[in-house]
Amino acid sequence: IVLVLQSLTLLSQWTGNAPQQRAYADVTDALNTRGQAVDE
């Protein structure tokens, strides 16, 4: 079972059909942050 799963993983990486996950990041509000720093 482990050999079959590893071979499927290897096959999907070679063919480029690996599931891709999107990376989400927090978008900081640079203008607001700078404004707060200037006020301080």
PDB file of all heavy atoms in Angstrom:
ATOM      1  N   ILE A   1       0.842  -1.207   0.000  1.00  0.00           N
ATOM      2  CA  ILE A   1       0.000   0.000   0.000  1.00  0.00           C
ATOM      3  C   ILE A   1       0.876   1.256   0.000  1.00  0.00           C
ATOM      4  O   ILE A   1       0.629   2.202  -0.749  1.00  0.00           O
ATOM      5  CB  ILE A   1      -0.955  -0.023   1.204  1.00  0.00           C
ATOM      6  CG1 ILE A   1      -1.992  -1.134   1.023  1.00  0.00           C
ATOM      7  CG2 ILE A   1      -1.652   1.319   1.362  1.00  0.00           C
ATOM      8  CD1 ILE A   1      -2.859  -1.357   2.243  1.00  0.00           C
ATOM      9  N   VAL A   2       1.922   1.250   0.810  1.00  0.00           N
ATOM     10  CA  VAL A   2       2.821   2.404   0.868  1.00  0.00           C
ATOM     11  C   VAL A   2       3.511   2.595  -0.473  1.00  0.00           C
ATOM     12  O   VAL A   2       3.635   3.723  -0.974  1.00  0.00           O
ATOM     13  CB  VAL A   2       3.852   2.235   2.015  1.00  0.00           C
ATOM     14  CG1 VAL A   2       4.948   3.282   1.920  1.00  0.00           C
ATOM     15  CG2 VAL A   2       3.162   2.301   3.360  1.00  0.00           C
ATOM     16  N   LEU A   3       3.930   1.496  -1.102  1.00  0.00           N
ATOM     17  CA  LEU A   3       4.588   1.580  -2.401  1.00  0.00           C
ATOM     18  C   LEU A   3       3.652   2.129  -3.473  1.00  0.00           C
ATOM     19  O   LEU A   3       4.044   2.975  -4.282  1.00  0.00           O
ATOM     20  CB  LEU A   3       5.112   0.195  -2.817  1.00  0.00           C
ATOM     21  CG  LEU A   3       5.840   0.119  -4.149  1.00  0.00           C
ATOM     22  CD1 LEU A   3       7.126   0.935  -4.083  1.00  0.00           C
ATOM     23  CD2 LEU A   3       6.129  -1.319  -4.520  1.00  0.00           C
ATOM     24  N   VAL A   4       2.411   1.721  -3.455  1.00  0.00           N
ATOM     25  CA  VAL A   4       1.423   2.209  -4.428  1.00  0.00           C
ATOM     26  C   VAL A   4       1.174   3.704  -4.217  1.00  0.00           C
ATOM     27  O   VAL A   4       1.136   4.487  -5.173  1.00  0.00           O
ATOM     28  CB  VAL A   4       0.113   1.395  -4.329  1.00  0.00           C
ATOM     29  CG1 VAL A   4      -1.002   2.058  -5.123  1.00  0.00           C
ATOM     30  CG2 VAL A   4       0.342  -0.026  -4.799  1.00  0.00           C
ATOM     31  N   LEU A   5       1.008   4.107  -2.978  1.00  0.00           N
ATOM     32  CA  LEU A   5       0.759   5.527  -2.699  1.00  0.00           C
ATOM     33  C   LEU A   5       1.960   6.388  -3.089  1.00  0.00           C
ATOM     34  O   LEU A   5       1.802   7.480  -3.638  1.00  0.00           O
ATOM     35  CB  LEU A   5       0.414   5.717  -1.222  1.00  0.00           C
ATOM     36  CG  LEU A   5      -0.952   5.169  -0.791  1.00  0.00           C
ATOM     37  CD1 LEU A   5      -1.116   5.312   0.720  1.00  0.00           C
ATOM     38  CD2 LEU A   5      -2.072   5.868  -1.527  1.00  0.00           C
ATOM     39  N   GLN A   6       3.158   5.930  -2.808  1.00  0.00           N
ATOM     40  CA  GLN A   6       4.344   6.697  -3.180  1.00  0.00           C
ATOM     41  C   GLN A   6       4.495   6.783  -4.690  1.00  0.00           C
ATOM     42  O   GLN A   6       4.867   7.830  -5.218  1.00  0.00           O
ATOM     43  CB  GLN A   6       5.598   6.072  -2.561  1.00  0.00           C
ATOM     44  CG  GLN A   6       5.719   6.341  -1.084  1.00  0.00           C
ATOM     45  CD  GLN A   6       7.004   5.773  -0.506  1.00  0.00           C
ATOM     46  OE1 GLN A   6       7.664   4.945  -1.130  1.00  0.00           O
ATOM     47  NE2 GLN A   6       7.342   6.214   0.704  1.00  0.00           N
ATOM     48  N   SER A   7       4.184   5.689  -5.376  1.00  0.00           N
ATOM     49  CA  SER A   7       4.281   5.730  -6.845  1.00  0.00           C
ATOM     50  C   SER A   7       3.229   6.657  -7.431  1.00  0.00           C
ATOM     51  O   SER A   7       3.492   7.369  -8.409  1.00  0.00           O
ATOM     52  CB  SER A   7       4.181   4.324  -7.432  1.00  0.00           C
ATOM     53  OG  SER A   7       2.943   3.750  -7.094  1.00  0.00           O
ATOM     54  N   LEU A   8       2.037   6.708  -6.867  1.00  0.00           N
ATOM     55  CA  LEU A   8       1.013   7.654  -7.331  1.00  0.00           C
ATOM     56  C   LEU A   8       1.454   9.101  -7.085  1.00  0.00           C
ATOM     57  O   LEU A   8       1.237   9.977  -7.930  1.00  0.00           O
ATOM     58  CB  LEU A   8      -0.319   7.383  -6.645  1.00  0.00           C
ATOM     59  CG  LEU A   8      -1.080   6.141  -7.117  1.00  0.00           C
ATOM     60  CD1 LEU A   8      -2.313   5.928  -6.251  1.00  0.00           C
ATOM     61  CD2 LEU A   8      -1.451   6.270  -8.574  1.00  0.00           C
ATOM     62  N   THR A   9       2.063   9.341  -5.947  1.00  0.00           N
ATOM     63  CA  THR A   9       2.561  10.689  -5.643  1.00  0.00           C
ATOM     64  C   THR A   9       3.652  11.084  -6.625  1.00  0.00           C
ATOM     65  O   THR A   9       3.654  12.206  -7.163  1.00  0.00           O
ATOM     66  CB  THR A   9       3.108  10.741  -4.201  1.00  0.00           C
ATOM     67  OG1 THR A   9       2.086  10.353  -3.303  1.00  0.00           O
ATOM     68  CG2 THR A   9       3.585  12.135  -3.859  1.00  0.00           C
ATOM     69  N   LEU A  10       4.565  10.183  -6.891  1.00  0.00           N
ATOM     70  CA  LEU A  10       5.650  10.452  -7.832  1.00  0.00           C
ATOM     71  C   LEU A  10       5.105  10.678  -9.242  1.00  0.00           C
ATOM     72  O   LEU A  10       5.536  11.602  -9.938  1.00  0.00           O
ATOM     73  CB  LEU A  10       6.648   9.295  -7.815  1.00  0.00           C
ATOM     74  CG  LEU A  10       7.932   9.472  -8.601  1.00  0.00           C
ATOM     75  CD1 LEU A  10       8.708  10.660  -8.055  1.00  0.00           C
ATOM     76  CD2 LEU A  10       8.771   8.215  -8.529  1.00  0.00           C
ATOM     77  N   LEU A  11       4.149   9.879  -9.658  1.00  0.00           N
ATOM     78  CA  LEU A  11       3.547  10.024 -10.976  1.00  0.00           C
ATOM     79  C   LEU A  11       2.839  11.368 -11.114  1.00  0.00           C
ATOM     80  O   LEU A  11       2.950  12.051 -12.139  1.00  0.00           O
ATOM     81  CB  LEU A  11       2.571   8.872 -11.237  1.00  0.00           C
ATOM     82  CG  LEU A  11       1.857   8.882 -12.583  1.00  0.00           C
ATOM     83  CD1 LEU A  11       2.874   8.686 -13.703  1.00  0.00           C
ATOM     84  CD2 LEU A  11       0.787   7.811 -12.618  1.00  0.00           C
ATOM     85  N   SER A  12       2.107  11.772 -10.083  1.00  0.00           N
ATOM     86  CA  SER A  12       1.388  13.050 -10.158  1.00  0.00           C
ATOM     87  C   SER A  12       2.350  14.233 -10.180  1.00  0.00           C
ATOM     88  O   SER A  12       2.082  15.256 -10.811  1.00  0.00           O
ATOM     89  CB  SER A  12       0.406  13.171  -8.995  1.00  0.00           C
ATOM     90  OG  SER A  12       1.105  13.281  -7.779  1.00  0.00           O
ATOM     91  N   GLN A  13       3.509  14.102  -9.534  1.00  0.00           N
ATOM     92  CA  GLN A  13       4.495  15.186  -9.573  1.00  0.00           C
ATOM     93  C   GLN A  13       5.146  15.274 -10.948  1.00  0.00           C
ATOM     94  O   GLN A  13       5.426  16.369 -11.438  1.00  0.00           O
ATOM     95  CB  GLN A  13       5.555  14.986  -8.497  1.00  0.00           C
ATOM     96  CG  GLN A  13       5.043  15.272  -7.105  1.00  0.00           C
ATOM     97  CD  GLN A  13       6.095  15.039  -6.041  1.00  0.00           C
ATOM     98  OE1 GLN A  13       7.176  14.508  -6.313  1.00  0.00           O
ATOM     99  NE2 GLN A  13       5.785  15.426  -4.816  1.00  0.00           N
ATOM    100  N   TRP A  14       5.412  14.142 -11.573  1.00  0.00           N
ATOM    101  CA  TRP A  14       6.022  14.149 -12.902  1.00  0.00           C
ATOM    102  C   TRP A  14       5.085  14.690 -13.955  1.00  0.00           C
ATOM    103  O   TRP A  14       5.471  15.411 -14.852  1.00  0.00           O
ATOM    104  CB  TRP A  14       6.459  12.739 -13.295  1.00  0.00           C
ATOM    105  CG  TRP A  14       7.814  12.368 -12.792  1.00  0.00           C
ATOM    106  CD1 TRP A  14       8.771  13.187 -12.325  1.00  0.00           C
ATOM    107  CD2 TRP A  14       8.346  11.049 -12.724  1.00  0.00           C
ATOM    108  NE1 TRP A  14       9.879  12.491 -11.965  1.00  0.00           N
ATOM    109  CE2 TRP A  14       9.652  11.163 -12.199  1.00  0.00           C
ATOM    110  CE3 TRP A  14       7.861   9.785 -13.045  1.00  0.00           C
ATOM    111  CZ2 TRP A  14      10.466  10.075 -11.994  1.00  0.00           C
ATOM    112  CZ3 TRP A  14       8.686   8.692 -12.846  1.00  0.00           C
ATOM    113  CH2 TRP A  14       9.967   8.839 -12.327  1.00  0.00           C
ATOM    114  N   THR A  15       3.820  14.347 -13.840  1.00  0.00           N
ATOM    115  CA  THR A  15       2.862  14.784 -14.868  1.00  0.00           C
ATOM    116  C   THR A  15       2.357  16.192 -14.609  1.00  0.00           C
ATOM    117  O   THR A  15       1.726  16.780 -15.477  1.00  0.00           O
ATOM    118  CB  THR A  15       1.670  13.815 -14.948  1.00  0.00           C
ATOM    119  OG1 THR A  15       1.023  13.765 -13.674  1.00  0.00           O
ATOM    120  CG2 THR A  15       2.117  12.431 -15.369  1.00  0.00           C
ATOM    121  N   GLY A  16       2.598  16.715 -13.455  1.00  0.00           N
ATOM    122  CA  GLY A  16       2.179  18.079 -13.153  1.00  0.00           C
ATOM    123  C   GLY A  16       0.734  18.176 -12.724  1.00  0.00           C
ATOM    124  O   GLY A  16       0.155  19.250 -12.706  1.00  0.00           O
ATOM    125  N   ASN A  17       0.119  17.080 -12.399  1.00  0.00           N
ATOM    126  CA  ASN A  17      -1.273  17.087 -11.967  1.00  0.00           C
ATOM    127  C   ASN A  17      -1.417  17.087 -10.452  1.00  0.00           C
ATOM    128  O   ASN A  17      -2.449  16.709  -9.930  1.00  0.00           O
ATOM    129  CB  ASN A  17      -2.000  15.859 -12.548  1.00  0.00           C
ATOM    130  CG  ASN A  17      -2.107  15.930 -14.042  1.00  0.00           C
ATOM    131  OD1 ASN A  17      -2.135  17.015 -14.604  1.00  0.00           O
ATOM    132  ND2 ASN A  17      -2.163  14.771 -14.688  1.00  0.00           N
ATOM    133  N   ALA A  18      -0.380  17.489  -9.764  1.00  0.00           N
ATOM    134  CA  ALA A  18      -0.436  17.514  -8.305  1.00  0.00           C
ATOM    135  C   ALA A  18      -1.413  18.603  -7.868  1.00  0.00           C
ATOM    136  O   ALA A  18      -1.510  19.666  -8.491  1.00  0.00           O
ATOM    137  CB  ALA A  18       0.945  17.798  -7.732  1.00  0.00           C
ATOM    138  N   PRO A  19      -2.179  18.317  -6.852  1.00  0.00           N
ATOM    139  CA  PRO A  19      -3.112  19.353  -6.381  1.00  0.00           C
ATOM    140  C   PRO A  19      -2.332  20.555  -5.851  1.00  0.00           C
ATOM    141  O   PRO A  19      -1.408  20.415  -5.062  1.00  0.00           O
ATOM    142  CB  PRO A  19      -3.883  18.658  -5.262  1.00  0.00           C
ATOM    143  CG  PRO A  19      -3.036  17.511  -4.842  1.00  0.00           C
ATOM    144  CD  PRO A  19      -2.238  17.120  -6.048  1.00  0.00           C
ATOM    145  N   GLN A  20      -2.696  21.712  -6.320  1.00  0.00           N
ATOM    146  CA  GLN A  20      -2.001  22.927  -5.913  1.00  0.00           C
ATOM    147  C   GLN A  20      -2.849  23.678  -4.906  1.00  0.00           C
ATOM    148  O   GLN A  20      -4.048  23.852  -5.105  1.00  0.00           O
ATOM    149  CB  GLN A  20      -1.715  23.798  -7.123  1.00  0.00           C
ATOM    150  CG  GLN A  20      -0.786  23.136  -8.116  1.00  0.00           C
ATOM    151  CD  GLN A  20      -0.545  24.022  -9.321  1.00  0.00           C
ATOM    152  OE1 GLN A  20      -1.080  25.108  -9.422  1.00  0.00           O
ATOM    153  NE2 GLN A  20       0.278  23.533 -10.233  1.00  0.00           N
ATOM    154  N   GLN A  21      -2.208  24.111  -3.887  1.00  0.00           N
ATOM    155  CA  GLN A  21      -2.898  24.889  -2.870  1.00  0.00           C
ATOM    156  C   GLN A  21      -2.474  26.336  -3.012  1.00  0.00           C
ATOM    157  O   GLN A  21      -1.305  26.646  -3.221  1.00  0.00           O
ATOM    158  CB  GLN A  21      -2.541  24.385  -1.476  1.00  0.00           C
ATOM    159  CG  GLN A  21      -3.004  22.973  -1.216  1.00  0.00           C
ATOM    160  CD  GLN A  21      -2.571  22.493   0.156  1.00  0.00           C
ATOM    161  OE1 GLN A  21      -1.790  23.146   0.833  1.00  0.00           O
ATOM    162  NE2 GLN A  21      -3.085  21.349   0.552  1.00  0.00           N
ATOM    163  N   ARG A  22      -3.436  27.188  -2.903  1.00  0.00           N
ATOM    164  CA  ARG A  22      -3.135  28.616  -2.982  1.00  0.00           C
ATOM    165  C   ARG A  22      -2.666  29.111  -1.617  1.00  0.00           C
ATOM    166  O   ARG A  22      -3.182  28.711  -0.584  1.00  0.00           O
ATOM    167  CB  ARG A  22      -4.358  29.406  -3.405  1.00  0.00           C
ATOM    168  CG  ARG A  22      -4.783  29.104  -4.808  1.00  0.00           C
ATOM    169  CD  ARG A  22      -5.961  29.971  -5.173  1.00  0.00           C
ATOM    170  NE  ARG A  22      -6.390  29.652  -6.515  1.00  0.00           N
ATOM    171  CZ  ARG A  22      -6.215  30.467  -7.545  1.00  0.00           C
ATOM    172  NH1 ARG A  22      -5.640  31.640  -7.370  1.00  0.00           N
ATOM    173  NH2 ARG A  22      -6.633  30.130  -8.738  1.00  0.00           N
ATOM    174  N   ALA A  23      -1.699  29.969  -1.667  1.00  0.00           N
ATOM    175  CA  ALA A  23      -1.192  30.561  -0.433  1.00  0.00           C
ATOM    176  C   ALA A  23      -1.842  31.933  -0.251  1.00  0.00           C
ATOM    177  O   ALA A  23      -1.803  32.782  -1.143  1.00  0.00           O
ATOM    178  CB  ALA A  23       0.318  30.712  -0.502  1.00  0.00           C
ATOM    179  N   TYR A  24      -2.463  32.109   0.863  1.00  0.00           N
ATOM    180  CA  TYR A  24      -3.103  33.384   1.173  1.00  0.00           C
ATOM    181  C   TYR A  24      -2.294  34.082   2.257  1.00  0.00           C
ATOM    182  O   TYR A  24      -1.898  33.470   3.236  1.00  0.00           O
ATOM    183  CB  TYR A  24      -4.538  33.172   1.651  1.00  0.00           C
ATOM    184  CG  TYR A  24      -5.434  32.587   0.585  1.00  0.00           C
ATOM    185  CD1 TYR A  24      -5.748  31.235   0.575  1.00  0.00           C
ATOM    186  CD2 TYR A  24      -5.941  33.381  -0.422  1.00  0.00           C
ATOM    187  CE1 TYR A  24      -6.563  30.690  -0.390  1.00  0.00           C
ATOM    188  CE2 TYR A  24      -6.753  32.847  -1.412  1.00  0.00           C
ATOM    189  CZ  TYR A  24      -7.060  31.502  -1.387  1.00  0.00           C
ATOM    190  OH  TYR A  24      -7.862  30.973  -2.349  1.00  0.00           O
ATOM    191  N   ALA A  25      -2.101  35.340   2.066  1.00  0.00           N
ATOM    192  CA  ALA A  25      -1.352  36.115   3.053  1.00  0.00           C
ATOM    193  C   ALA A  25      -2.161  37.352   3.414  1.00  0.00           C
ATOM    194  O   ALA A  25      -2.969  37.838   2.627  1.00  0.00           O
ATOM    195  CB  ALA A  25       0.007  36.523   2.501  1.00  0.00           C
ATOM    196  N   ASP A  26      -1.927  37.840   4.607  1.00  0.00           N
ATOM    197  CA  ASP A  26      -2.581  39.079   5.016  1.00  0.00           C
ATOM    198  C   ASP A  26      -1.948  40.241   4.267  1.00  0.00           C
ATOM    199  O   ASP A  26      -0.734  40.377   4.232  1.00  0.00           O
ATOM    200  CB  ASP A  26      -2.414  39.316   6.512  1.00  0.00           C
ATOM    201  CG  ASP A  26      -3.424  38.546   7.325  1.00  0.00           C
ATOM    202  OD1 ASP A  26      -4.443  38.139   6.755  1.00  0.00           O
ATOM    203  OD2 ASP A  26      -3.185  38.354   8.530  1.00  0.00           O
ATOM    204  N   VAL A  27      -2.795  41.037   3.700  1.00  0.00           N
ATOM    205  CA  VAL A  27      -2.310  42.229   3.026  1.00  0.00           C
ATOM    206  C   VAL A  27      -2.368  43.355   4.044  1.00  0.00           C
ATOM    207  O   VAL A  27      -3.429  43.723   4.523  1.00  0.00           O
ATOM    208  CB  VAL A  27      -3.182  42.573   1.800  1.00  0.00           C
ATOM    209  CG1 VAL A  27      -2.686  43.828   1.128  1.00  0.00           C
ATOM    210  CG2 VAL A  27      -3.197  41.404   0.831  1.00  0.00           C
ATOM    211  N   THR A  28      -1.207  43.852   4.398  1.00  0.00           N
ATOM    212  CA  THR A  28      -1.170  44.908   5.402  1.00  0.00           C
ATOM    213  C   THR A  28      -1.467  46.242   4.745  1.00  0.00           C
ATOM    214  O   THR A  28      -1.151  46.483   3.584  1.00  0.00           O
ATOM    215  CB  THR A  28       0.210  44.977   6.081  1.00  0.00           C
ATOM    216  OG1 THR A  28       1.192  45.197   5.075  1.00  0.00           O
ATOM    217  CG2 THR A  28       0.513  43.685   6.801  1.00  0.00           C
ATOM    218  N   ASP A  29      -2.071  47.071   5.509  1.00  0.00           N
ATOM    219  CA  ASP A  29      -2.383  48.410   5.030  1.00  0.00           C
ATOM    220  C   ASP A  29      -1.193  49.298   5.371  1.00  0.00           C
ATOM    221  O   ASP A  29      -1.119  49.877   6.452  1.00  0.00           O
ATOM    222  CB  ASP A  29      -3.664  48.905   5.695  1.00  0.00           C
ATOM    223  CG  ASP A  29      -4.125  50.235   5.136  1.00  0.00           C
ATOM    224  OD1 ASP A  29      -3.573  50.670   4.106  1.00  0.00           O
ATOM    225  OD2 ASP A  29      -5.030  50.838   5.737  1.00  0.00           O
ATOM    226  N   ALA A  30      -0.245  49.378   4.456  1.00  0.00           N
ATOM    227  CA  ALA A  30       1.007  50.094   4.714  1.00  0.00           C
ATOM    228  C   ALA A  30       0.768  51.572   4.977  1.00  0.00           C
ATOM    229  O   ALA A  30       1.414  52.172   5.834  1.00  0.00           O
ATOM    230  CB  ALA A  30       1.961  49.906   3.544  1.00  0.00           C
ATOM    231  N   LEU A  31      -0.165  52.158   4.250  1.00  0.00           N
ATOM    232  CA  LEU A  31      -0.421  53.591   4.425  1.00  0.00           C
ATOM    233  C   LEU A  31      -0.970  53.875   5.815  1.00  0.00           C
ATOM    234  O   LEU A  31      -0.550  54.835   6.474  1.00  0.00           O
ATOM    235  CB  LEU A  31      -1.396  54.071   3.349  1.00  0.00           C
ATOM    236  CG  LEU A  31      -1.659  55.563   3.300  1.00  0.00           C
ATOM    237  CD1 LEU A  31      -0.357  56.319   3.045  1.00  0.00           C
ATOM    238  CD2 LEU A  31      -2.663  55.888   2.221  1.00  0.00           C
ATOM    239  N   ASN A  32      -1.879  53.031   6.286  1.00  0.00           N
ATOM    240  CA  ASN A  32      -2.444  53.223   7.621  1.00  0.00           C
ATOM    241  C   ASN A  32      -1.384  53.009   8.694  1.00  0.00           C
ATOM    242  O   ASN A  32      -1.317  53.753   9.672  1.00  0.00           O
ATOM    243  CB  ASN A  32      -3.617  52.261   7.825  1.00  0.00           C
ATOM    244  CG  ASN A  32      -4.376  52.546   9.095  1.00  0.00           C
ATOM    245  OD1 ASN A  32      -4.347  53.653   9.615  1.00  0.00           O
ATOM    246  ND2 ASN A  32      -5.048  51.549   9.607  1.00  0.00           N
ATOM    247  N   THR A  33      -0.535  52.022   8.511  1.00  0.00           N
ATOM    248  CA  THR A  33       0.529  51.741   9.476  1.00  0.00           C
ATOM    249  C   THR A  33       1.516  52.903   9.551  1.00  0.00           C
ATOM    250  O   THR A  33       1.928  53.311  10.639  1.00  0.00           O
ATOM    251  CB  THR A  33       1.269  50.456   9.082  1.00  0.00           C
ATOM    252  OG1 THR A  33       0.320  49.402   8.954  1.00  0.00           O
ATOM    253  CG2 THR A  33       2.304  50.077  10.116  1.00  0.00           C
ATOM    254  N   ARG A  34       1.875  53.432   8.401  1.00  0.00           N
ATOM    255  CA  ARG A  34       2.794  54.583   8.394  1.00  0.00           C
ATOM    256  C   ARG A  34       2.142  55.803   9.028  1.00  0.00           C
ATOM    257  O   ARG A  34       2.796  56.572   9.736  1.00  0.00           O
ATOM    258  CB  ARG A  34       3.216  54.892   6.967  1.00  0.00           C
ATOM    259  CG  ARG A  34       4.179  53.884   6.417  1.00  0.00           C
ATOM    260  CD  ARG A  34       4.713  54.302   5.063  1.00  0.00           C
ATOM    261  NE  ARG A  34       5.479  53.218   4.486  1.00  0.00           N
ATOM    262  CZ  ARG A  34       5.271  52.706   3.283  1.00  0.00           C
ATOM    263  NH1 ARG A  34       4.317  53.203   2.521  1.00  0.00           N
ATOM    264  NH2 ARG A  34       5.998  51.723   2.833  1.00  0.00           N
ATOM    265  N   GLY A  35       0.848  55.982   8.782  1.00  0.00           N
ATOM    266  CA  GLY A  35       0.138  57.113   9.380  1.00  0.00           C
ATOM    267  C   GLY A  35       0.128  57.025  10.893  1.00  0.00           C
ATOM    268  O   GLY A  35       0.301  58.033  11.583  1.00  0.00           O
ATOM    269  N   GLN A  36      -0.071  55.807  11.410  1.00  0.00           N
ATOM    270  CA  GLN A  36      -0.050  55.625  12.863  1.00  0.00           C
ATOM    271  C   GLN A  36       1.340  55.912  13.418  1.00  0.00           C
ATOM    272  O   GLN A  36       1.475  56.519  14.479  1.00  0.00           O
ATOM    273  CB  GLN A  36      -0.471  54.205  13.226  1.00  0.00           C
ATOM    274  CG  GLN A  36      -1.936  53.930  13.014  1.00  0.00           C
ATOM    275  CD  GLN A  36      -2.294  52.477  13.261  1.00  0.00           C
ATOM    276  OE1 GLN A  36      -1.414  51.627  13.380  1.00  0.00           O
ATOM    277  NE2 GLN A  36      -3.579  52.196  13.323  1.00  0.00           N
ATOM    278  N   ALA A  37       2.375  55.477  12.706  1.00  0.00           N
ATOM    279  CA  ALA A  37       3.749  55.727  13.169  1.00  0.00           C
ATOM    280  C   ALA A  37       4.041  57.222  13.178  1.00  0.00           C
ATOM    281  O   ALA A  37       4.672  57.738  14.110  1.00  0.00           O
ATOM    282  CB  ALA A  37       4.744  54.988  12.283  1.00  0.00           C
ATOM    283  N   VAL A  38       3.574  57.937  12.166  1.00  0.00           N
ATOM    284  CA  VAL A  38       3.794  59.383  12.103  1.00  0.00           C
ATOM    285  C   VAL A  38       3.061  60.072  13.246  1.00  0.00           C
ATOM    286  O   VAL A  38       3.602  60.980  13.900  1.00  0.00           O
ATOM    287  CB  VAL A  38       3.341  59.937  10.735  1.00  0.00           C
ATOM    288  CG1 VAL A  38       3.279  61.449  10.740  1.00  0.00           C
ATOM    289  CG2 VAL A  38       4.276  59.450   9.641  1.00  0.00           C
ATOM    290  N   ASP A  39       1.826  59.635  13.541  1.00  0.00           N
ATOM    291  CA  ASP A  39       1.072  60.227  14.647  1.00  0.00           C
ATOM    292  C   ASP A  39       1.773  60.000  15.983  1.00  0.00           C
ATOM    293  O   ASP A  39       1.835  60.903  16.822  1.00  0.00           O
ATOM    294  CB  ASP A  39      -0.343  59.644  14.701  1.00  0.00           C
ATOM    295  CG  ASP A  39      -1.198  60.084  13.522  1.00  0.00           C
ATOM    296  OD1 ASP A  39      -0.840  61.094  12.871  1.00  0.00           O
ATOM    297  OD2 ASP A  39      -2.222  59.408  13.253  1.00  0.00           O
ATOM    298  N   GLU A  40       2.314  58.794  16.181  1.00  0.00           N
ATOM    299  CA  GLU A  40       3.024  58.512  17.425  1.00  0.00           C
ATOM    300  C   GLU A  40       4.299  59.343  17.539  1.00  0.00           C
ATOM    301  O   GLU A  40       4.657  59.802  18.625  1.00  0.00           O
ATOM    302  CB  GLU A  40       3.351  57.024  17.515  1.00  0.00           C
ATOM    303  CG  GLU A  40       2.116  56.162  17.746  1.00  0.00           C
ATOM    304  CD  GLU A  40       2.429  54.690  17.817  1.00  0.00           C
ATOM    305  OE1 GLU A  40       3.606  54.332  18.014  1.00  0.00           O
ATOM    306  OE2 GLU A  40       1.487  53.897  17.672  1.00  0.00           O
TER     307      GLU A  40
END
